Amino acid sequence: MALEPRSPRLAVLIDADNTSAKIADRLFEEIAQLGEASVRRIYGDFTRAGLRGWTDILAKHAIIAHQQFAYVTGKNASDIALVIDAMDLMHSGRFEGFCLISSDSDFTRLAARIREQGLDVFGFGERKTPESFRQACRRFIYTENLLIGAQAQAQAGAPIKQTPSDAVPLLRTAIAQMDSEDGWVSLPEPRPLDLPRTPPLRLRGRTFDASSPASRGRRLPVGTTR
């Protein structure tokens, strides 16, 4: 029995400092259409509160986090670590392509170098991503489109809110089913605890007190208004 051809093996490298965790679900759905995400790594200083969204979903997507402490403000230690790993993975010869998730133009030369090796590069980033990086990739996908898809999925799974007026057809159906042949509906015998003081009913010009003992067991015509 012949085996099915294996999907291209991809190395997924995420720049956490420049990527929102909200796109994670749709991101890996999109990558699954391109090939198999054999390596999944993310780079950043995860001691920062701004990256907590990523730390909460690492296990869900089997992402390996590479912690890079920001000892000096403004330095790109995470970017350097990502580039070093990308070169090691490229020279291993085990991958047919790379997915670089970032909006940073610093990865332009990395993307170009990987393609020089004959491998595919798929970029994911915001629309503000410099053209140099977008053009260095074989295909570039805007993360705003992934975010729209994620929001649509969340809305589809949310419960539908209904207004009180939506209950009117149900009430009308229930009353119609209770209607008898002579047009009257019997009231059940109320219990003492069910007898709050209620406004009198107007029955064809006459006053009827529904909470008085005299009303027990009486029958009201369908359509009576209070």
C-alpha atoms as a PDB file:
ATOM      1  CA  MET A   1       0.000   0.000   0.000  1.00  0.00           C
ATOM      2  CA  ALA A   2       1.510   3.306  -1.136  1.00  0.00           C
ATOM      3  CA  LEU A   3       1.914   5.980   1.508  1.00  0.00           C
ATOM      4  CA  GLU A   4       0.425   9.409   0.934  1.00  0.00           C
ATOM      5  CA  PRO A   5       3.013  12.091   0.136  1.00  0.00           C
ATOM      6  CA  ARG A   6       4.061  13.953   3.270  1.00  0.00           C
ATOM      7  CA  SER A   7       3.214  17.635   3.612  1.00  0.00           C
ATOM      8  CA  PRO A   8       6.152  20.054   3.418  1.00  0.00           C
ATOM      9  CA  ARG A   9       7.847  20.369   6.779  1.00  0.00           C
ATOM     10  CA  LEU A  10       7.845  23.943   8.021  1.00  0.00           C
ATOM     11  CA  ALA A  11       9.706  25.738  10.800  1.00  0.00           C
ATOM     12  CA  VAL A  12       7.427  28.296  12.459  1.00  0.00           C
ATOM     13  CA  LEU A  13       9.311  31.127  14.186  1.00  0.00           C
ATOM     14  CA  ILE A  14       7.262  33.800  15.980  1.00  0.00           C
ATOM     15  CA  ASP A  15       8.435  37.239  17.061  1.00  0.00           C
ATOM     16  CA  ALA A  16       6.261  37.659  20.171  1.00  0.00           C
ATOM     17  CA  ASP A  17       7.144  41.334  20.576  1.00  0.00           C
ATOM     18  CA  ASN A  18       5.511  42.164  17.242  1.00  0.00           C
ATOM     19  CA  THR A  19       2.667  39.644  17.063  1.00  0.00           C
ATOM     20  CA  SER A  20      -0.678  39.497  18.871  1.00  0.00           C
ATOM     21  CA  ALA A  21      -1.608  36.241  20.592  1.00  0.00           C
ATOM     22  CA  LYS A  22      -5.204  36.725  19.434  1.00  0.00           C
ATOM     23  CA  ILE A  23      -4.336  35.382  15.976  1.00  0.00           C
ATOM     24  CA  ALA A  24      -2.826  32.103  17.241  1.00  0.00           C
ATOM     25  CA  ASP A  25      -5.754  29.816  16.381  1.00  0.00           C
ATOM     26  CA  ARG A  26      -6.241  31.190  12.873  1.00  0.00           C
ATOM     27  CA  LEU A  27      -2.477  31.407  12.354  1.00  0.00           C
ATOM     28  CA  PHE A  28      -1.938  27.684  12.760  1.00  0.00           C
ATOM     29  CA  GLU A  29      -5.032  26.914  10.715  1.00  0.00           C
ATOM     30  CA  GLU A  30      -3.504  28.932   7.876  1.00  0.00           C
ATOM     31  CA  ILE A  31      -0.104  27.291   8.309  1.00  0.00           C
ATOM     32  CA  ALA A  32      -1.755  23.844   8.181  1.00  0.00           C
ATOM     33  CA  GLN A  33      -2.827  24.647   4.626  1.00  0.00           C
ATOM     34  CA  LEU A  34       0.793  25.318   3.688  1.00  0.00           C
ATOM     35  CA  GLY A  35       2.387  22.280   5.292  1.00  0.00           C
ATOM     36  CA  GLU A  36       3.279  20.612   8.570  1.00  0.00           C
ATOM     37  CA  ALA A  37       4.461  22.884  11.376  1.00  0.00           C
ATOM     38  CA  SER A  38       7.251  20.543  12.556  1.00  0.00           C
ATOM     39  CA  VAL A  39       8.992  23.195  14.654  1.00  0.00           C
ATOM     40  CA  ARG A  40       7.061  25.830  16.584  1.00  0.00           C
ATOM     41  CA  ARG A  41       9.126  28.398  18.468  1.00  0.00           C
ATOM     42  CA  ILE A  42       8.393  31.829  19.852  1.00  0.00           C
ATOM     43  CA  TYR A  43      10.876  34.462  21.032  1.00  0.00           C
ATOM     44  CA  GLY A  44      10.453  37.269  23.539  1.00  0.00           C
ATOM     45  CA  ASP A  45      10.736  38.439  27.119  1.00  0.00           C
ATOM     46  CA  PHE A  46       7.825  36.574  28.667  1.00  0.00           C
ATOM     47  CA  THR A  47       8.285  38.266  32.025  1.00  0.00           C
ATOM     48  CA  ARG A  48       6.522  41.255  30.483  1.00  0.00           C
ATOM     49  CA  ALA A  49       2.799  41.593  31.141  1.00  0.00           C
ATOM     50  CA  GLY A  50       2.216  42.381  27.464  1.00  0.00           C
ATOM     51  CA  LEU A  51       3.188  38.831  26.453  1.00  0.00           C
ATOM     52  CA  ARG A  52       0.943  37.080  28.953  1.00  0.00           C
ATOM     53  CA  GLY A  53      -1.482  36.293  26.131  1.00  0.00           C
ATOM     54  CA  TRP A  54       1.173  34.081  24.540  1.00  0.00           C
ATOM     55  CA  THR A  55       2.180  32.314  27.753  1.00  0.00           C
ATOM     56  CA  ASP A  56      -1.451  31.285  28.296  1.00  0.00           C
ATOM     57  CA  ILE A  57      -1.681  29.404  24.970  1.00  0.00           C
ATOM     58  CA  LEU A  58       1.796  27.917  24.522  1.00  0.00           C
ATOM     59  CA  ALA A  59       0.691  24.421  25.526  1.00  0.00           C
ATOM     60  CA  LYS A  60      -2.459  24.565  23.393  1.00  0.00           C
ATOM     61  CA  HIS A  61      -0.424  24.973  20.199  1.00  0.00           C
ATOM     62  CA  ALA A  62       2.713  23.075  21.331  1.00  0.00           C
ATOM     63  CA  ILE A  63       4.874  26.178  20.980  1.00  0.00           C
ATOM     64  CA  ILE A  64       8.348  26.183  22.525  1.00  0.00           C
ATOM     65  CA  ALA A  65       9.085  29.532  24.192  1.00  0.00           C
ATOM     66  CA  HIS A  66      12.606  30.950  24.025  1.00  0.00           C
ATOM     67  CA  GLN A  67      12.974  33.434  26.859  1.00  0.00           C
ATOM     68  CA  GLN A  68      15.148  36.476  26.111  1.00  0.00           C
ATOM     69  CA  PHE A  69      15.506  38.867  29.017  1.00  0.00           C
ATOM     70  CA  ALA A  70      15.549  42.539  28.094  1.00  0.00           C
ATOM     71  CA  TYR A  71      18.612  43.567  30.068  1.00  0.00           C
ATOM     72  CA  VAL A  72      18.869  46.818  28.102  1.00  0.00           C
ATOM     73  CA  THR A  73      15.904  48.789  26.787  1.00  0.00           C
ATOM     74  CA  GLY A  74      15.644  49.016  23.011  1.00  0.00           C
ATOM     75  CA  LYS A  75      17.914  46.064  22.169  1.00  0.00           C
ATOM     76  CA  ASN A  76      16.687  43.228  19.962  1.00  0.00           C
ATOM     77  CA  ALA A  77      18.020  40.147  21.734  1.00  0.00           C
ATOM     78  CA  SER A  78      14.889  38.207  20.719  1.00  0.00           C
ATOM     79  CA  ASP A  79      15.434  39.000  17.037  1.00  0.00           C
ATOM     80  CA  ILE A  80      19.042  37.826  17.180  1.00  0.00           C
ATOM     81  CA  ALA A  81      18.054  34.566  18.877  1.00  0.00           C
ATOM     82  CA  LEU A  82      15.400  33.959  16.215  1.00  0.00           C
ATOM     83  CA  VAL A  83      17.891  34.522  13.389  1.00  0.00           C
ATOM     84  CA  ILE A  84      20.486  32.186  14.939  1.00  0.00           C
ATOM     85  CA  ASP A  85      17.908  29.404  15.306  1.00  0.00           C
ATOM     86  CA  ALA A  86      16.659  29.964  11.762  1.00  0.00           C
ATOM     87  CA  MET A  87      20.175  29.507  10.366  1.00  0.00           C
ATOM     88  CA  ASP A  88      20.710  26.320  12.371  1.00  0.00           C
ATOM     89  CA  LEU A  89      17.385  24.888  11.176  1.00  0.00           C
ATOM     90  CA  MET A  90      18.070  25.866   7.569  1.00  0.00           C
ATOM     91  CA  HIS A  91      21.455  24.101   7.512  1.00  0.00           C
ATOM     92  CA  SER A  92      19.951  20.981   9.091  1.00  0.00           C
ATOM     93  CA  GLY A  93      18.330  20.203   5.734  1.00  0.00           C
ATOM     94  CA  ARG A  94      15.188  18.888   7.426  1.00  0.00           C
ATOM     95  CA  PHE A  95      12.745  21.582   6.260  1.00  0.00           C
ATOM     96  CA  GLU A  96      11.123  22.624   3.018  1.00  0.00           C
ATOM     97  CA  GLY A  97      10.078  26.049   4.238  1.00  0.00           C
ATOM     98  CA  PHE A  98       9.872  28.624   7.015  1.00  0.00           C
ATOM     99  CA  CYS A  99       7.050  30.702   8.465  1.00  0.00           C
ATOM    100  CA  LEU A 100       8.290  33.996   9.886  1.00  0.00           C
ATOM    101  CA  ILE A 101       5.680  35.750  11.991  1.00  0.00           C
ATOM    102  CA  SER A 102       6.659  39.367  12.534  1.00  0.00           C
ATOM    103  CA  SER A 103       6.065  42.898  11.254  1.00  0.00           C
ATOM    104  CA  ASP A 104       9.726  43.833  11.734  1.00  0.00           C
ATOM    105  CA  SER A 105      11.793  44.725   8.673  1.00  0.00           C
ATOM    106  CA  ASP A 106      14.908  43.412  10.456  1.00  0.00           C
ATOM    107  CA  PHE A 107      13.994  39.951   9.152  1.00  0.00           C
ATOM    108  CA  THR A 108      14.225  41.012   5.508  1.00  0.00           C
ATOM    109  CA  ARG A 109      17.741  39.672   5.038  1.00  0.00           C
ATOM    110  CA  LEU A 110      16.869  36.465   6.897  1.00  0.00           C
ATOM    111  CA  ALA A 111      13.973  35.775   4.546  1.00  0.00           C
ATOM    112  CA  ALA A 112      16.135  36.484   1.515  1.00  0.00           C
ATOM    113  CA  ARG A 113      18.933  34.201   2.749  1.00  0.00           C
ATOM    114  CA  ILE A 114      16.552  31.289   3.362  1.00  0.00           C
ATOM    115  CA  ARG A 115      15.112  31.649  -0.133  1.00  0.00           C
ATOM    116  CA  GLU A 116      18.637  31.694  -1.582  1.00  0.00           C
ATOM    117  CA  GLN A 117      18.941  28.225  -0.080  1.00  0.00           C
ATOM    118  CA  GLY A 118      15.991  27.117  -2.220  1.00  0.00           C
ATOM    119  CA  LEU A 119      13.452  27.039   0.595  1.00  0.00           C
ATOM    120  CA  ASP A 120      10.067  28.720   0.772  1.00  0.00           C
ATOM    121  CA  VAL A 121       9.417  31.589   3.180  1.00  0.00           C
ATOM    122  CA  PHE A 122       5.896  32.500   4.236  1.00  0.00           C
ATOM    123  CA  GLY A 123       5.615  35.777   6.105  1.00  0.00           C
ATOM    124  CA  PHE A 124       2.853  36.813   8.506  1.00  0.00           C
ATOM    125  CA  GLY A 125       2.579  40.378   9.741  1.00  0.00           C
ATOM    126  CA  GLU A 126       0.510  43.538   9.967  1.00  0.00           C
ATOM    127  CA  ARG A 127      -0.222  45.792   7.010  1.00  0.00           C
ATOM    128  CA  LYS A 128       2.326  48.264   8.347  1.00  0.00           C
ATOM    129  CA  THR A 129       5.099  45.721   7.645  1.00  0.00           C
ATOM    130  CA  PRO A 130       7.749  47.353   5.395  1.00  0.00           C
ATOM    131  CA  GLU A 131       7.604  46.315   1.773  1.00  0.00           C
ATOM    132  CA  SER A 132      11.185  45.041   1.887  1.00  0.00           C
ATOM    133  CA  PHE A 133      10.227  42.199   4.220  1.00  0.00           C
ATOM    134  CA  ARG A 134       6.981  41.450   2.388  1.00  0.00           C
ATOM    135  CA  GLN A 135       8.760  41.177  -0.952  1.00  0.00           C
ATOM    136  CA  ALA A 136      11.478  38.949   0.499  1.00  0.00           C
ATOM    137  CA  CYS A 137       8.857  36.283   1.275  1.00  0.00           C
ATOM    138  CA  ARG A 138       7.343  33.950  -1.287  1.00  0.00           C
ATOM    139  CA  ARG A 139       3.941  34.805   0.162  1.00  0.00           C
ATOM    140  CA  PHE A 140       2.981  37.331   2.819  1.00  0.00           C
ATOM    141  CA  ILE A 141      -0.278  37.065   4.801  1.00  0.00           C
ATOM    142  CA  TYR A 142      -1.686  40.013   6.725  1.00  0.00           C
ATOM    143  CA  THR A 143      -2.471  39.170  10.336  1.00  0.00           C
ATOM    144  CA  GLU A 144      -5.406  41.596  10.330  1.00  0.00           C
ATOM    145  CA  ASN A 145      -7.206  39.094   8.108  1.00  0.00           C
ATOM    146  CA  LEU A 146      -6.507  36.334  10.637  1.00  0.00           C
ATOM    147  CA  LEU A 147      -7.817  38.546  13.439  1.00  0.00           C
ATOM    148  CA  ILE A 148     -11.084  39.111  11.563  1.00  0.00           C
ATOM    149  CA  GLY A 149     -11.476  35.357  11.177  1.00  0.00           C
ATOM    150  CA  ALA A 150     -10.823  34.812  14.880  1.00  0.00           C
ATOM    151  CA  GLN A 151     -13.447  37.383  15.851  1.00  0.00           C
ATOM    152  CA  ALA A 152     -15.998  35.815  13.492  1.00  0.00           C
ATOM    153  CA  GLN A 153     -15.431  32.390  15.093  1.00  0.00           C
ATOM    154  CA  ALA A 154     -15.880  33.862  18.567  1.00  0.00           C
ATOM    155  CA  GLN A 155     -19.132  35.568  17.561  1.00  0.00           C
ATOM    156  CA  ALA A 156     -20.444  32.386  15.943  1.00  0.00           C
ATOM    157  CA  GLY A 157     -19.964  30.501  19.210  1.00  0.00           C
ATOM    158  CA  ALA A 158     -21.525  33.202  21.393  1.00  0.00           C
ATOM    159  CA  PRO A 159     -25.126  32.711  22.626  1.00  0.00           C
ATOM    160  CA  ILE A 160     -27.807  34.721  20.826  1.00  0.00           C
ATOM    161  CA  LYS A 161     -29.276  37.474  22.982  1.00  0.00           C
ATOM    162  CA  GLN A 162     -33.078  37.758  22.886  1.00  0.00           C
ATOM    163  CA  THR A 163     -35.358  40.610  23.916  1.00  0.00           C
ATOM    164  CA  PRO A 164     -38.578  40.291  25.965  1.00  0.00           C
ATOM    165  CA  SER A 165     -40.607  40.912  22.798  1.00  0.00           C
ATOM    166  CA  ASP A 166     -39.243  37.649  21.368  1.00  0.00           C
ATOM    167  CA  ALA A 167     -41.402  35.798  23.922  1.00  0.00           C
ATOM    168  CA  VAL A 168     -44.681  37.247  22.603  1.00  0.00           C
ATOM    169  CA  PRO A 169     -45.241  34.584  19.875  1.00  0.00           C
ATOM    170  CA  LEU A 170     -44.594  31.824  22.420  1.00  0.00           C
ATOM    171  CA  LEU A 171     -47.114  33.312  24.845  1.00  0.00           C
ATOM    172  CA  ARG A 172     -49.745  33.640  22.138  1.00  0.00           C
ATOM    173  CA  THR A 173     -49.252  30.015  21.129  1.00  0.00           C
ATOM    174  CA  ALA A 174     -49.561  28.866  24.740  1.00  0.00           C
ATOM    175  CA  ILE A 175     -52.819  30.816  25.228  1.00  0.00           C
ATOM    176  CA  ALA A 176     -54.249  29.429  21.990  1.00  0.00           C
ATOM    177  CA  GLN A 177     -53.507  25.890  23.156  1.00  0.00           C
ATOM    178  CA  MET A 178     -55.285  26.566  26.461  1.00  0.00           C
ATOM    179  CA  ASP A 179     -58.424  27.894  24.762  1.00  0.00           C
ATOM    180  CA  SER A 180     -61.550  25.756  25.229  1.00  0.00           C
ATOM    181  CA  GLU A 181     -64.477  25.343  22.870  1.00  0.00           C
ATOM    182  CA  ASP A 182     -66.589  27.951  24.664  1.00  0.00           C
ATOM    183  CA  GLY A 183     -63.775  30.539  24.588  1.00  0.00           C
ATOM    184  CA  TRP A 184     -62.980  30.340  28.313  1.00  0.00           C
ATOM    185  CA  VAL A 185     -59.787  29.385  30.159  1.00  0.00           C
ATOM    186  CA  SER A 186     -59.941  27.906  33.655  1.00  0.00           C
ATOM    187  CA  LEU A 187     -57.781  29.451  36.366  1.00  0.00           C
ATOM    188  CA  PRO A 188     -56.084  27.028  38.777  1.00  0.00           C
ATOM    189  CA  GLU A 189     -56.896  27.173  42.457  1.00  0.00           C
ATOM    190  CA  PRO A 190     -54.248  29.575  43.869  1.00  0.00           C
ATOM    191  CA  ARG A 191     -52.250  28.661  46.919  1.00  0.00           C
ATOM    192  CA  PRO A 192     -51.985  31.115  49.826  1.00  0.00           C
ATOM    193  CA  LEU A 193     -48.355  31.932  48.982  1.00  0.00           C
ATOM    194  CA  ASP A 194     -49.326  32.698  45.389  1.00  0.00           C
ATOM    195  CA  LEU A 195     -51.778  35.463  46.278  1.00  0.00           C
ATOM    196  CA  PRO A 196     -49.952  38.791  46.073  1.00  0.00           C
ATOM    197  CA  ARG A 197     -52.173  41.793  45.810  1.00  0.00           C
ATOM    198  CA  THR A 198     -52.853  42.401  42.107  1.00  0.00           C
ATOM    199  CA  PRO A 199     -54.704  45.176  40.307  1.00  0.00           C
ATOM    200  CA  PRO A 200     -58.378  44.400  39.606  1.00  0.00           C
ATOM    201  CA  LEU A 201     -59.347  42.970  36.225  1.00  0.00           C
ATOM    202  CA  ARG A 202     -61.857  44.695  33.968  1.00  0.00           C
ATOM    203  CA  LEU A 203     -64.332  42.110  32.657  1.00  0.00           C
ATOM    204  CA  ARG A 204     -66.682  43.643  30.145  1.00  0.00           C
ATOM    205  CA  GLY A 205     -67.270  46.735  32.202  1.00  0.00           C
ATOM    206  CA  ARG A 206     -67.208  44.942  35.576  1.00  0.00           C
ATOM    207  CA  THR A 207     -64.443  44.878  38.172  1.00  0.00           C
ATOM    208  CA  PHE A 208     -62.981  41.556  39.206  1.00  0.00           C
ATOM    209  CA  ASP A 209     -60.411  41.182  41.996  1.00  0.00           C
ATOM    210  CA  ALA A 210     -58.205  38.164  41.056  1.00  0.00           C
ATOM    211  CA  SER A 211     -56.667  37.937  44.521  1.00  0.00           C
ATOM    212  CA  SER A 212     -59.898  37.777  46.501  1.00  0.00           C
ATOM    213  CA  PRO A 213     -61.170  34.425  47.851  1.00  0.00           C
ATOM    214  CA  ALA A 214     -64.368  34.853  45.813  1.00  0.00           C
ATOM    215  CA  SER A 215     -62.405  34.531  42.582  1.00  0.00           C
ATOM    216  CA  ARG A 216     -61.080  31.034  43.291  1.00  0.00           C
ATOM    217  CA  GLY A 217     -62.196  28.444  40.763  1.00  0.00           C
ATOM    218  CA  ARG A 218     -63.840  31.026  38.474  1.00  0.00           C
ATOM    219  CA  ARG A 219     -63.190  31.038  34.746  1.00  0.00           C
ATOM    220  CA  LEU A 220     -62.130  34.020  32.628  1.00  0.00           C
ATOM    221  CA  PRO A 221     -62.828  34.629  28.948  1.00  0.00           C
ATOM    222  CA  VAL A 222     -59.810  34.367  26.631  1.00  0.00           C
ATOM    223  CA  GLY A 223     -58.439  37.790  25.672  1.00  0.00           C
ATOM    224  CA  THR A 224     -59.277  39.439  29.016  1.00  0.00           C
ATOM    225  CA  THR A 225     -56.997  42.423  29.713  1.00  0.00           C
ATOM    226  CA  ARG A 226     -55.867  43.723  32.997  1.00  0.00           C
END
